C-alpha atoms as a PDB file:
ATOM      1  CA  MET A   1      48.356  25.820 -65.342  1.00  0.00           C
ATOM      2  CA  GLU A   2      49.224  23.149 -67.932  1.00  0.00           C
ATOM      3  CA  ARG A   3      47.022  21.163 -70.172  1.00  0.00           C
ATOM      4  CA  LEU A   4      45.071  17.932 -68.844  1.00  0.00           C
ATOM      5  CA  PRO A   5      47.674  14.681 -69.530  1.00  0.00           C
ATOM      6  CA  VAL A   6      45.903  12.179 -72.083  1.00  0.00           C
ATOM      7  CA  PHE A   7      43.682   9.703 -70.238  1.00  0.00           C
ATOM      8  CA  ASP A   8      40.753   7.296 -70.781  1.00  0.00           C
ATOM      9  CA  LEU A   9      37.478   7.918 -69.470  1.00  0.00           C
ATOM     10  CA  GLU A  10      35.341   5.095 -68.285  1.00  0.00           C
ATOM     11  CA  ARG A  11      31.793   6.140 -67.228  1.00  0.00           C
ATOM     12  CA  THR A  12      29.875   3.487 -65.467  1.00  0.00           C
ATOM     13  CA  ALA A  13      26.741   3.145 -63.516  1.00  0.00           C
ATOM     14  CA  SER A  14      27.997  -0.331 -62.142  1.00  0.00           C
ATOM     15  CA  LEU A  15      29.972  -0.369 -58.634  1.00  0.00           C
ATOM     16  CA  ALA A  16      31.254  -3.725 -59.864  1.00  0.00           C
ATOM     17  CA  ARG A  17      32.744  -2.378 -63.416  1.00  0.00           C
ATOM     18  CA  ALA A  18      34.227   0.562 -61.511  1.00  0.00           C
ATOM     19  CA  ILE A  19      36.229  -1.679 -59.119  1.00  0.00           C
ATOM     20  CA  GLU A  20      37.058  -4.018 -61.891  1.00  0.00           C
ATOM     21  CA  VAL A  21      38.664  -0.782 -64.116  1.00  0.00           C
ATOM     22  CA  LEU A  22      40.305   0.277 -61.019  1.00  0.00           C
ATOM     23  CA  ALA A  23      41.544  -2.809 -60.060  1.00  0.00           C
ATOM     24  CA  ALA A  24      43.107  -3.646 -63.462  1.00  0.00           C
ATOM     25  CA  ASN A  25      44.477  -0.391 -63.874  1.00  0.00           C
ATOM     26  CA  PRO A  26      46.922   0.664 -61.075  1.00  0.00           C
ATOM     27  CA  SER A  27      47.125   4.212 -61.946  1.00  0.00           C
ATOM     28  CA  ALA A  28      43.538   4.661 -62.821  1.00  0.00           C
ATOM     29  CA  ARG A  29      41.638   7.275 -60.372  1.00  0.00           C
ATOM     30  CA  PRO A  30      38.228   7.767 -59.415  1.00  0.00           C
ATOM     31  CA  ILE A  31      36.431  11.013 -60.237  1.00  0.00           C
ATOM     32  CA  ALA A  32      33.171  12.824 -59.445  1.00  0.00           C
ATOM     33  CA  GLY A  33      31.915  15.970 -57.808  1.00  0.00           C
ATOM     34  CA  GLY A  34      33.877  17.408 -54.777  1.00  0.00           C
ATOM     35  CA  THR A  35      37.256  16.733 -56.191  1.00  0.00           C
ATOM     36  CA  ASP A  36      40.361  18.514 -56.694  1.00  0.00           C
ATOM     37  CA  LEU A  37      41.673  15.637 -58.880  1.00  0.00           C
ATOM     38  CA  VAL A  38      41.544  17.734 -62.037  1.00  0.00           C
ATOM     39  CA  PRO A  39      43.604  20.873 -60.853  1.00  0.00           C
ATOM     40  CA  ASN A  40      46.180  18.655 -59.666  1.00  0.00           C
ATOM     41  CA  LEU A  41      46.215  16.775 -63.230  1.00  0.00           C
ATOM     42  CA  ARG A  42      46.803  20.342 -64.829  1.00  0.00           C
ATOM     43  CA  HIS A  43      49.531  20.743 -62.237  1.00  0.00           C
ATOM     44  CA  GLY A  44      51.409  17.398 -63.256  1.00  0.00           C
ATOM     45  CA  LEU A  45      51.059  15.945 -59.684  1.00  0.00           C
ATOM     46  CA  ASP A  46      49.349  12.682 -61.268  1.00  0.00           C
ATOM     47  CA  THR A  47      49.261  11.238 -64.680  1.00  0.00           C
ATOM     48  CA  PRO A  48      46.275   8.365 -64.351  1.00  0.00           C
ATOM     49  CA  ALA A  49      46.174   6.367 -67.719  1.00  0.00           C
ATOM     50  CA  VAL A  50      42.370   5.888 -66.720  1.00  0.00           C
ATOM     51  CA  LEU A  51      39.621   8.139 -64.689  1.00  0.00           C
ATOM     52  CA  VAL A  52      36.750   6.339 -63.916  1.00  0.00           C
ATOM     53  CA  ASP A  53      33.598   8.308 -63.350  1.00  0.00           C
ATOM     54  CA  VAL A  54      31.738   7.267 -60.270  1.00  0.00           C
ATOM     55  CA  SER A  55      28.883   9.836 -60.235  1.00  0.00           C
ATOM     56  CA  ARG A  56      26.418   7.805 -61.588  1.00  0.00           C
ATOM     57  CA  LEU A  57      26.822   4.956 -58.950  1.00  0.00           C
ATOM     58  CA  ASP A  58      23.827   4.598 -56.671  1.00  0.00           C
ATOM     59  CA  GLY A  59      24.480   6.549 -53.646  1.00  0.00           C
ATOM     60  CA  ALA A  60      26.945   9.130 -55.158  1.00  0.00           C
ATOM     61  CA  ASP A  61      24.797  11.730 -54.245  1.00  0.00           C
ATOM     62  CA  VAL A  62      24.029  10.781 -50.528  1.00  0.00           C
ATOM     63  CA  LEU A  63      24.593  13.345 -47.962  1.00  0.00           C
ATOM     64  CA  ASP A  64      23.587  12.000 -44.126  1.00  0.00           C
ATOM     65  CA  VAL A  65      24.929  13.836 -41.260  1.00  0.00           C
ATOM     66  CA  TYR A  66      24.720  11.812 -37.670  1.00  0.00           C
ATOM     67  CA  ALA A  67      25.457  12.803 -34.195  1.00  0.00           C
ATOM     68  CA  ALA A  68      28.548  10.189 -34.691  1.00  0.00           C
ATOM     69  CA  GLY A  69      29.811  11.540 -38.196  1.00  0.00           C
ATOM     70  CA  ALA A  70      28.403  11.536 -41.833  1.00  0.00           C
ATOM     71  CA  ARG A  71      28.138   9.849 -44.667  1.00  0.00           C
ATOM     72  CA  ILE A  72      29.362  11.588 -47.992  1.00  0.00           C
ATOM     73  CA  GLY A  73      29.041  10.131 -51.431  1.00  0.00           C
ATOM     74  CA  ALA A  74      31.575  10.645 -53.639  1.00  0.00           C
ATOM     75  CA  GLY A  75      29.601  12.693 -55.886  1.00  0.00           C
ATOM     76  CA  VAL A  76      28.537  15.370 -53.222  1.00  0.00           C
ATOM     77  CA  THR A  77      30.175  18.568 -54.466  1.00  0.00           C
ATOM     78  CA  LEU A  78      32.026  20.990 -52.622  1.00  0.00           C
ATOM     79  CA  GLU A  79      29.377  23.334 -52.968  1.00  0.00           C
ATOM     80  CA  ARG A  80      26.666  20.668 -51.511  1.00  0.00           C
ATOM     81  CA  LEU A  81      29.052  19.950 -48.735  1.00  0.00           C
END
């Protein structure tokens, strides 16, 4: 495994700010719990200029299961899922 590439980290609790950063930076990627983004970065599969931490957004930790499906927030970890 290689080192992580250089990137900026934007931590926000605002959905509007997260959308603004992602829209302004085509290579930006959202990151929260339950992602395999970091290993992909280490393997050189992606080189985003900015990572946007969406784990603090309202609803990021929501995990609701319904008869017809589920709602899984971006911050739900694989362990919890």
